[in-house]
Amino acid sequence: MAHIPINHPARTLYRVISGLVGLYILIFGIFGIVATAGQPLFGRDNDYALGLRTNLAFSIVSVFFGIVIMIGASRRGNLGHLMNLTAGVVFLVVGLIMLSVLQTDANILNFSVATVVVSLIFGLITLATGLYDKVGPPEYADEERRYRRAASSESSPG
């Protein structure tokens, strides 16, 4: 049996948190597009939006990704669960890749250390929200609860 909680009582809260992350990314992307309008797509200027360095390409990707995360947060089924898990992994991988190329010409998205940190934090948040957002029939949730109670009573001293 999987150890990902099914029908977690706080899954609405986790969806709201994921939606707020998506909203921030969407607003960041819009502000970034406004700040970098008319510049090269992969420019390396010192343009900032909401305190993070950006360029036109990163801003466009952020708008798209923010919309995707908000759609995932609004889905009640397992599609949102899978979208959050995927988004979390993408944020973590992109953050690590951009950290490794930060001071090189391969930094095509104009990341800074602050942008890497925010990407890693958002990756952890969306990954965590995806872990607790799984939906299933009530029977599966009851079976999972019984399994956890049995496991915890076996491990407790007594």
N, C-alpha and C. Protein backbone atom coordinates (compact mmCIF):
# COMPACT_ATOMS: atom_id res chain seq x y z
N MET A 1 0.85 -1.17 0.00
CA MET A 1 0.00 0.00 0.00
C MET A 1 0.89 1.23 0.00
N ALA A 2 0.50 2.22 -0.76
CA ALA A 2 1.25 3.47 -0.82
C ALA A 2 1.11 4.23 0.49
N HIS A 3 2.13 4.99 0.82
CA HIS A 3 2.09 5.76 2.06
C HIS A 3 1.79 7.22 1.81
N ILE A 4 1.21 7.52 0.66
CA ILE A 4 0.75 8.87 0.38
C ILE A 4 -0.68 8.96 0.91
N PRO A 5 -0.95 9.90 1.79
CA PRO A 5 -2.31 9.99 2.37
C PRO A 5 -3.37 10.19 1.29
N ILE A 6 -4.48 9.52 1.46
CA ILE A 6 -5.60 9.64 0.54
C ILE A 6 -6.71 10.41 1.26
N ASN A 7 -7.29 11.39 0.58
CA ASN A 7 -8.36 12.22 1.13
C ASN A 7 -7.95 12.87 2.45
N HIS A 8 -6.75 13.43 2.47
CA HIS A 8 -6.25 14.09 3.67
C HIS A 8 -7.20 15.22 4.06
N PRO A 9 -7.52 15.37 5.35
CA PRO A 9 -8.49 16.39 5.76
C PRO A 9 -8.07 17.83 5.42
N ALA A 10 -6.77 18.07 5.30
CA ALA A 10 -6.29 19.43 5.02
C ALA A 10 -5.95 19.63 3.55
N ARG A 11 -6.45 18.77 2.65
CA ARG A 11 -6.07 18.90 1.25
C ARG A 11 -6.57 20.20 0.63
N THR A 12 -7.66 20.76 1.12
CA THR A 12 -8.12 22.06 0.62
C THR A 12 -7.10 23.14 0.96
N LEU A 13 -6.54 23.10 2.16
CA LEU A 13 -5.51 24.05 2.55
C LEU A 13 -4.28 23.90 1.65
N TYR A 14 -3.90 22.67 1.36
CA TYR A 14 -2.74 22.44 0.51
C TYR A 14 -2.99 22.94 -0.91
N ARG A 15 -4.21 22.78 -1.40
CA ARG A 15 -4.55 23.31 -2.72
C ARG A 15 -4.49 24.83 -2.73
N VAL A 16 -4.92 25.46 -1.65
CA VAL A 16 -4.86 26.92 -1.56
C VAL A 16 -3.41 27.38 -1.55
N ILE A 17 -2.56 26.70 -0.79
CA ILE A 17 -1.14 27.05 -0.75
C ILE A 17 -0.52 26.91 -2.14
N SER A 18 -0.82 25.83 -2.82
CA SER A 18 -0.31 25.63 -4.17
C SER A 18 -0.83 26.72 -5.12
N GLY A 19 -2.10 27.08 -4.96
CA GLY A 19 -2.66 28.15 -5.79
C GLY A 19 -1.99 29.49 -5.53
N LEU A 20 -1.62 29.76 -4.27
CA LEU A 20 -0.92 31.00 -3.96
C LEU A 20 0.47 31.03 -4.58
N VAL A 21 1.14 29.89 -4.58
CA VAL A 21 2.44 29.81 -5.26
C VAL A 21 2.26 30.09 -6.75
N GLY A 22 1.25 29.48 -7.36
CA GLY A 22 0.97 29.71 -8.77
C GLY A 22 0.62 31.16 -9.05
N LEU A 23 -0.15 31.78 -8.17
CA LEU A 23 -0.52 33.19 -8.34
C LEU A 23 0.71 34.09 -8.26
N TYR A 24 1.60 33.82 -7.31
CA TYR A 24 2.82 34.61 -7.21
C TYR A 24 3.65 34.48 -8.49
N ILE A 25 3.77 33.26 -8.99
CA ILE A 25 4.56 33.05 -10.20
C ILE A 25 3.92 33.76 -11.39
N LEU A 26 2.61 33.72 -11.48
CA LEU A 26 1.90 34.40 -12.56
C LEU A 26 2.11 35.91 -12.48
N ILE A 27 1.95 36.48 -11.30
CA ILE A 27 2.14 37.93 -11.13
C ILE A 27 3.60 38.31 -11.40
N PHE A 28 4.53 37.48 -10.92
CA PHE A 28 5.95 37.72 -11.20
C PHE A 28 6.19 37.75 -12.71
N GLY A 29 5.63 36.80 -13.42
CA GLY A 29 5.81 36.74 -14.87
C GLY A 29 5.23 37.95 -15.58
N ILE A 30 4.06 38.38 -15.15
CA ILE A 30 3.44 39.57 -15.77
C ILE A 30 4.29 40.80 -15.51
N PHE A 31 4.71 41.00 -14.27
CA PHE A 31 5.57 42.15 -13.96
C PHE A 31 6.89 42.06 -14.72
N GLY A 32 7.42 40.85 -14.85
CA GLY A 32 8.67 40.66 -15.59
C GLY A 32 8.52 40.98 -17.06
N ILE A 33 7.39 40.60 -17.65
CA ILE A 33 7.16 40.93 -19.06
C ILE A 33 7.09 42.45 -19.24
N VAL A 34 6.42 43.12 -18.32
CA VAL A 34 6.35 44.58 -18.39
C VAL A 34 7.74 45.20 -18.23
N ALA A 35 8.53 44.67 -17.30
CA ALA A 35 9.86 45.23 -17.02
C ALA A 35 10.85 44.97 -18.16
N THR A 36 10.68 43.88 -18.89
CA THR A 36 11.66 43.51 -19.92
C THR A 36 11.11 43.67 -21.33
N ALA A 37 10.00 44.33 -21.48
CA ALA A 37 9.40 44.51 -22.81
C ALA A 37 10.39 45.25 -23.73
N GLY A 38 10.53 44.75 -24.94
CA GLY A 38 11.41 45.37 -25.92
C GLY A 38 12.85 44.95 -25.82
N GLN A 39 13.20 44.09 -24.88
CA GLN A 39 14.57 43.62 -24.74
C GLN A 39 14.71 42.25 -25.39
N PRO A 40 15.94 41.80 -25.60
CA PRO A 40 16.13 40.47 -26.18
C PRO A 40 15.52 39.38 -25.29
N LEU A 41 15.10 38.30 -25.91
CA LEU A 41 14.43 37.22 -25.21
C LEU A 41 15.29 36.65 -24.08
N PHE A 42 16.56 36.42 -24.35
CA PHE A 42 17.46 35.86 -23.35
C PHE A 42 18.48 36.90 -22.87
N GLY A 43 18.05 38.12 -22.67
CA GLY A 43 18.93 39.20 -22.23
C GLY A 43 19.49 38.94 -20.85
N ARG A 44 20.64 39.53 -20.59
CA ARG A 44 21.31 39.33 -19.29
C ARG A 44 21.44 40.66 -18.55
N ASP A 45 20.46 41.55 -18.74
CA ASP A 45 20.48 42.83 -18.05
C ASP A 45 20.08 42.66 -16.58
N ASN A 46 20.14 43.73 -15.84
CA ASN A 46 19.76 43.69 -14.43
C ASN A 46 18.31 44.13 -14.26
N ASP A 47 17.40 43.37 -14.81
CA ASP A 47 15.97 43.65 -14.69
C ASP A 47 15.39 42.80 -13.57
N TYR A 48 14.58 43.44 -12.72
CA TYR A 48 14.00 42.76 -11.57
C TYR A 48 12.48 42.88 -11.60
N ALA A 49 11.83 41.84 -11.12
CA ALA A 49 10.38 41.84 -10.91
C ALA A 49 10.13 41.17 -9.57
N LEU A 50 9.43 41.85 -8.69
CA LEU A 50 9.12 41.35 -7.35
C LEU A 50 10.38 40.87 -6.61
N GLY A 51 11.48 41.58 -6.80
CA GLY A 51 12.72 41.29 -6.10
C GLY A 51 13.58 40.20 -6.70
N LEU A 52 13.15 39.61 -7.82
CA LEU A 52 13.93 38.54 -8.45
C LEU A 52 14.39 38.99 -9.83
N ARG A 53 15.63 38.63 -10.18
CA ARG A 53 16.15 38.98 -11.50
C ARG A 53 15.46 38.16 -12.57
N THR A 54 15.21 38.77 -13.71
CA THR A 54 14.47 38.09 -14.76
C THR A 54 14.89 38.60 -16.13
N ASN A 55 14.45 37.90 -17.15
CA ASN A 55 14.52 38.38 -18.53
C ASN A 55 13.20 38.01 -19.20
N LEU A 56 13.05 38.37 -20.46
CA LEU A 56 11.77 38.17 -21.13
C LEU A 56 11.41 36.68 -21.23
N ALA A 57 12.38 35.83 -21.51
CA ALA A 57 12.10 34.39 -21.63
C ALA A 57 11.63 33.82 -20.29
N PHE A 58 12.32 34.17 -19.22
CA PHE A 58 11.94 33.67 -17.90
C PHE A 58 10.56 34.19 -17.50
N SER A 59 10.26 35.42 -17.85
CA SER A 59 8.96 35.99 -17.52
C SER A 59 7.84 35.27 -18.27
N ILE A 60 8.04 34.98 -19.53
CA ILE A 60 7.02 34.27 -20.33
C ILE A 60 6.81 32.86 -19.78
N VAL A 61 7.91 32.17 -19.47
CA VAL A 61 7.81 30.83 -18.89
C VAL A 61 7.09 30.89 -17.54
N SER A 62 7.34 31.93 -16.77
CA SER A 62 6.70 32.07 -15.46
C SER A 62 5.20 32.26 -15.59
N VAL A 63 4.76 33.05 -16.57
CA VAL A 63 3.32 33.22 -16.78
C VAL A 63 2.67 31.88 -17.12
N PHE A 64 3.28 31.15 -18.03
CA PHE A 64 2.75 29.84 -18.42
C PHE A 64 2.73 28.89 -17.22
N PHE A 65 3.82 28.83 -16.50
CA PHE A 65 3.93 27.89 -15.37
C PHE A 65 3.00 28.28 -14.23
N GLY A 66 2.83 29.58 -14.00
CA GLY A 66 1.90 30.04 -12.98
C GLY A 66 0.47 29.63 -13.29
N ILE A 67 0.09 29.74 -14.56
CA ILE A 67 -1.25 29.31 -14.97
C ILE A 67 -1.41 27.81 -14.78
N VAL A 68 -0.41 27.04 -15.15
CA VAL A 68 -0.47 25.58 -15.00
C VAL A 68 -0.62 25.19 -13.54
N ILE A 69 0.14 25.83 -12.66
CA ILE A 69 0.05 25.50 -11.23
C ILE A 69 -1.31 25.89 -10.68
N MET A 70 -1.84 27.02 -11.10
CA MET A 70 -3.16 27.43 -10.62
C MET A 70 -4.25 26.48 -11.12
N ILE A 71 -4.11 25.99 -12.35
CA ILE A 71 -5.07 24.99 -12.85
C ILE A 71 -4.96 23.72 -12.02
N GLY A 72 -3.73 23.29 -11.74
CA GLY A 72 -3.53 22.11 -10.92
C GLY A 72 -4.11 22.26 -9.53
N ALA A 73 -3.99 23.46 -8.97
CA ALA A 73 -4.51 23.70 -7.62
C ALA A 73 -6.04 23.71 -7.60
N SER A 74 -6.64 24.05 -8.73
CA SER A 74 -8.10 24.13 -8.77
C SER A 74 -8.76 22.78 -9.06
N ARG A 75 -7.99 21.78 -9.44
CA ARG A 75 -8.54 20.47 -9.75
C ARG A 75 -8.72 19.66 -8.49
N ARG A 76 -9.89 19.06 -8.33
CA ARG A 76 -10.16 18.29 -7.12
C ARG A 76 -9.71 16.83 -7.23
N GLY A 77 -9.51 16.35 -8.41
CA GLY A 77 -9.13 14.96 -8.58
C GLY A 77 -7.63 14.78 -8.51
N ASN A 78 -7.19 13.63 -8.96
CA ASN A 78 -5.77 13.30 -8.90
C ASN A 78 -4.95 14.01 -9.96
N LEU A 79 -5.60 14.68 -10.91
CA LEU A 79 -4.85 15.46 -11.89
C LEU A 79 -4.07 16.57 -11.18
N GLY A 80 -4.72 17.26 -10.26
CA GLY A 80 -4.04 18.29 -9.48
C GLY A 80 -2.91 17.73 -8.65
N HIS A 81 -3.13 16.55 -8.08
CA HIS A 81 -2.09 15.86 -7.30
C HIS A 81 -0.86 15.61 -8.17
N LEU A 82 -1.07 15.07 -9.35
CA LEU A 82 0.05 14.77 -10.25
C LEU A 82 0.70 16.05 -10.78
N MET A 83 -0.11 17.08 -11.05
CA MET A 83 0.46 18.34 -11.54
C MET A 83 1.33 18.99 -10.47
N ASN A 84 0.91 18.94 -9.21
CA ASN A 84 1.72 19.51 -8.14
C ASN A 84 3.02 18.73 -7.93
N LEU A 85 2.93 17.41 -7.98
CA LEU A 85 4.15 16.61 -7.85
C LEU A 85 5.12 16.93 -8.99
N THR A 86 4.60 17.00 -10.20
CA THR A 86 5.45 17.30 -11.36
C THR A 86 6.03 18.70 -11.26
N ALA A 87 5.20 19.67 -10.89
CA ALA A 87 5.69 21.05 -10.76
C ALA A 87 6.78 21.14 -9.69
N GLY A 88 6.62 20.44 -8.59
CA GLY A 88 7.63 20.45 -7.55
C GLY A 88 8.96 19.92 -8.05
N VAL A 89 8.92 18.82 -8.76
CA VAL A 89 10.16 18.24 -9.30
C VAL A 89 10.78 19.19 -10.33
N VAL A 90 9.96 19.79 -11.19
CA VAL A 90 10.48 20.72 -12.20
C VAL A 90 11.16 21.91 -11.53
N PHE A 91 10.52 22.49 -10.51
CA PHE A 91 11.13 23.61 -9.80
C PHE A 91 12.47 23.22 -9.20
N LEU A 92 12.53 22.06 -8.57
CA LEU A 92 13.78 21.63 -7.93
C LEU A 92 14.87 21.39 -8.96
N VAL A 93 14.53 20.72 -10.04
CA VAL A 93 15.53 20.42 -11.08
C VAL A 93 16.02 21.69 -11.75
N VAL A 94 15.09 22.58 -12.12
CA VAL A 94 15.49 23.84 -12.77
C VAL A 94 16.33 24.69 -11.81
N GLY A 95 15.94 24.72 -10.53
CA GLY A 95 16.73 25.48 -9.56
C GLY A 95 18.15 24.95 -9.44
N LEU A 96 18.31 23.64 -9.41
CA LEU A 96 19.65 23.06 -9.31
C LEU A 96 20.46 23.27 -10.58
N ILE A 97 19.80 23.13 -11.73
CA ILE A 97 20.52 23.37 -13.00
C ILE A 97 20.97 24.82 -13.09
N MET A 98 20.08 25.74 -12.75
CA MET A 98 20.45 27.15 -12.84
C MET A 98 21.51 27.52 -11.80
N LEU A 99 21.50 26.85 -10.66
CA LEU A 99 22.56 27.08 -9.68
C LEU A 99 23.91 26.65 -10.24
N SER A 100 23.92 25.56 -10.99
CA SER A 100 25.18 25.06 -11.52
C SER A 100 25.73 25.92 -12.66
N VAL A 101 24.89 26.71 -13.31
CA VAL A 101 25.35 27.55 -14.43
C VAL A 101 25.23 29.03 -14.12
N LEU A 102 25.13 29.37 -12.84
CA LEU A 102 24.83 30.73 -12.42
C LEU A 102 25.81 31.76 -12.98
N GLN A 103 27.09 31.51 -12.90
CA GLN A 103 28.11 32.49 -13.32
C GLN A 103 28.67 32.20 -14.71
N THR A 104 27.87 31.55 -15.55
CA THR A 104 28.34 31.21 -16.90
C THR A 104 27.40 31.83 -17.94
N ASP A 105 27.79 31.68 -19.20
CA ASP A 105 26.93 32.15 -20.30
C ASP A 105 25.72 31.25 -20.49
N ALA A 106 25.70 30.10 -19.87
CA ALA A 106 24.56 29.19 -19.99
C ALA A 106 23.38 29.61 -19.10
N ASN A 107 23.52 30.68 -18.35
CA ASN A 107 22.45 31.20 -17.50
C ASN A 107 21.46 31.97 -18.38
N ILE A 108 20.74 31.23 -19.22
CA ILE A 108 19.87 31.86 -20.21
C ILE A 108 18.62 32.48 -19.60
N LEU A 109 18.24 32.08 -18.40
CA LEU A 109 17.04 32.63 -17.77
C LEU A 109 17.38 33.77 -16.80
N ASN A 110 18.65 34.19 -16.78
CA ASN A 110 19.10 35.33 -15.98
C ASN A 110 18.82 35.14 -14.50
N PHE A 111 19.04 33.93 -14.00
CA PHE A 111 18.83 33.63 -12.59
C PHE A 111 19.89 34.32 -11.74
N SER A 112 19.52 34.59 -10.51
CA SER A 112 20.46 35.03 -9.48
C SER A 112 20.35 34.01 -8.34
N VAL A 113 21.16 34.18 -7.32
CA VAL A 113 21.09 33.26 -6.18
C VAL A 113 19.72 33.33 -5.54
N ALA A 114 19.14 34.53 -5.44
CA ALA A 114 17.81 34.67 -4.85
C ALA A 114 16.76 33.92 -5.67
N THR A 115 16.88 33.96 -6.98
CA THR A 115 15.93 33.25 -7.84
C THR A 115 16.06 31.74 -7.66
N VAL A 116 17.29 31.27 -7.49
CA VAL A 116 17.51 29.84 -7.25
C VAL A 116 16.87 29.43 -5.92
N VAL A 117 17.07 30.22 -4.89
CA VAL A 117 16.51 29.90 -3.57
C VAL A 117 14.98 29.87 -3.65
N VAL A 118 14.38 30.86 -4.30
CA VAL A 118 12.92 30.89 -4.43
C VAL A 118 12.44 29.69 -5.23
N SER A 119 13.15 29.33 -6.29
CA SER A 119 12.77 28.16 -7.09
C SER A 119 12.81 26.89 -6.26
N LEU A 120 13.83 26.72 -5.44
CA LEU A 120 13.94 25.54 -4.60
C LEU A 120 12.85 25.52 -3.52
N ILE A 121 12.56 26.66 -2.94
CA ILE A 121 11.49 26.73 -1.92
C ILE A 121 10.15 26.42 -2.56
N PHE A 122 9.86 27.01 -3.72
CA PHE A 122 8.59 26.72 -4.39
C PHE A 122 8.51 25.26 -4.81
N GLY A 123 9.65 24.67 -5.18
CA GLY A 123 9.67 23.25 -5.51
C GLY A 123 9.29 22.39 -4.32
N LEU A 124 9.85 22.70 -3.17
CA LEU A 124 9.53 21.94 -1.96
C LEU A 124 8.07 22.13 -1.55
N ILE A 125 7.56 23.35 -1.68
CA ILE A 125 6.16 23.62 -1.31
C ILE A 125 5.21 22.87 -2.23
N THR A 126 5.42 22.98 -3.54
CA THR A 126 4.49 22.30 -4.46
C THR A 126 4.62 20.79 -4.38
N LEU A 127 5.82 20.30 -4.12
CA LEU A 127 5.99 18.86 -3.95
C LEU A 127 5.25 18.39 -2.70
N ALA A 128 5.37 19.13 -1.61
CA ALA A 128 4.66 18.77 -0.38
C ALA A 128 3.15 18.85 -0.56
N THR A 129 2.67 19.88 -1.23
CA THR A 129 1.22 19.98 -1.44
C THR A 129 0.73 18.84 -2.34
N GLY A 130 1.55 18.43 -3.28
CA GLY A 130 1.17 17.30 -4.13
C GLY A 130 1.11 15.99 -3.37
N LEU A 131 1.96 15.84 -2.37
CA LEU A 131 1.96 14.60 -1.60
C LEU A 131 0.70 14.44 -0.76
N TYR A 132 0.10 15.52 -0.33
CA TYR A 132 -1.07 15.45 0.53
C TYR A 132 -2.37 15.74 -0.19
N ASP A 133 -2.35 15.77 -1.51
CA ASP A 133 -3.52 16.16 -2.28
C ASP A 133 -4.16 14.99 -3.01
N LYS A 134 -3.76 13.77 -2.72
CA LYS A 134 -4.28 12.62 -3.44
C LYS A 134 -5.72 12.33 -3.02
N VAL A 135 -6.55 12.03 -4.01
CA VAL A 135 -7.97 11.79 -3.78
C VAL A 135 -8.27 10.35 -4.16
N GLY A 136 -9.11 9.71 -3.38
CA GLY A 136 -9.51 8.34 -3.67
C GLY A 136 -10.87 8.06 -3.06
N PRO A 137 -11.42 6.89 -3.36
CA PRO A 137 -12.71 6.52 -2.76
C PRO A 137 -12.59 6.46 -1.24
N PRO A 138 -13.67 6.68 -0.54
CA PRO A 138 -13.62 6.66 0.94
C PRO A 138 -13.09 5.34 1.49
N GLU A 139 -13.33 4.23 0.78
CA GLU A 139 -12.84 2.93 1.27
C GLU A 139 -11.31 2.93 1.32
N TYR A 140 -10.65 3.51 0.32
CA TYR A 140 -9.19 3.56 0.31
C TYR A 140 -8.67 4.41 1.46
N ALA A 141 -9.34 5.53 1.71
CA ALA A 141 -8.92 6.39 2.81
C ALA A 141 -9.09 5.67 4.15
N ASP A 142 -10.20 4.93 4.32
CA ASP A 142 -10.41 4.18 5.56
C ASP A 142 -9.35 3.10 5.73
N GLU A 143 -9.04 2.41 4.64
CA GLU A 143 -8.02 1.36 4.69
C GLU A 143 -6.66 1.95 5.04
N GLU A 144 -6.33 3.11 4.48
CA GLU A 144 -5.07 3.78 4.79
C GLU A 144 -5.02 4.17 6.26
N ARG A 145 -6.13 4.69 6.80
CA ARG A 145 -6.18 5.06 8.22
C ARG A 145 -5.98 3.85 9.11
N ARG A 146 -6.65 2.73 8.78
CA ARG A 146 -6.49 1.51 9.57
C ARG A 146 -5.04 1.03 9.52
N TYR A 147 -4.43 1.10 8.36
CA TYR A 147 -3.04 0.68 8.19
C TYR A 147 -2.11 1.53 9.07
N ARG A 148 -2.30 2.85 9.05
CA ARG A 148 -1.46 3.73 9.85
C ARG A 148 -1.67 3.48 11.34
N ARG A 149 -2.91 3.27 11.78
CA ARG A 149 -3.17 2.99 13.20
C ARG A 149 -2.53 1.68 13.63
N ALA A 150 -2.63 0.66 12.78
CA ALA A 150 -2.03 -0.63 13.10
C ALA A 150 -0.52 -0.50 13.18
N ALA A 151 0.07 0.24 12.24
CA ALA A 151 1.52 0.41 12.25
C ALA A 151 1.97 1.19 13.46
N SER A 152 1.21 2.20 13.86
CA SER A 152 1.63 3.00 15.01
C SER A 152 1.42 2.24 16.32
N SER A 153 0.41 1.37 16.41
CA SER A 153 0.21 0.61 17.64
C SER A 153 1.24 -0.51 17.79
N GLU A 154 1.74 -1.04 16.65
CA GLU A 154 2.79 -2.05 16.72
C GLU A 154 4.11 -1.47 17.15
N SER A 155 4.37 -0.22 16.78
CA SER A 155 5.67 0.40 17.10
C SER A 155 5.67 1.05 18.47
N SER A 156 4.51 1.25 19.08
CA SER A 156 4.50 1.92 20.38
C SER A 156 4.83 0.89 21.49
N PRO A 157 5.60 1.35 22.46
CA PRO A 157 5.96 0.43 23.56
C PRO A 157 4.74 0.16 24.43
N GLY A 158 4.63 -1.01 24.90
CA GLY A 158 3.50 -1.24 25.78
C GLY A 158 3.27 -2.61 26.04
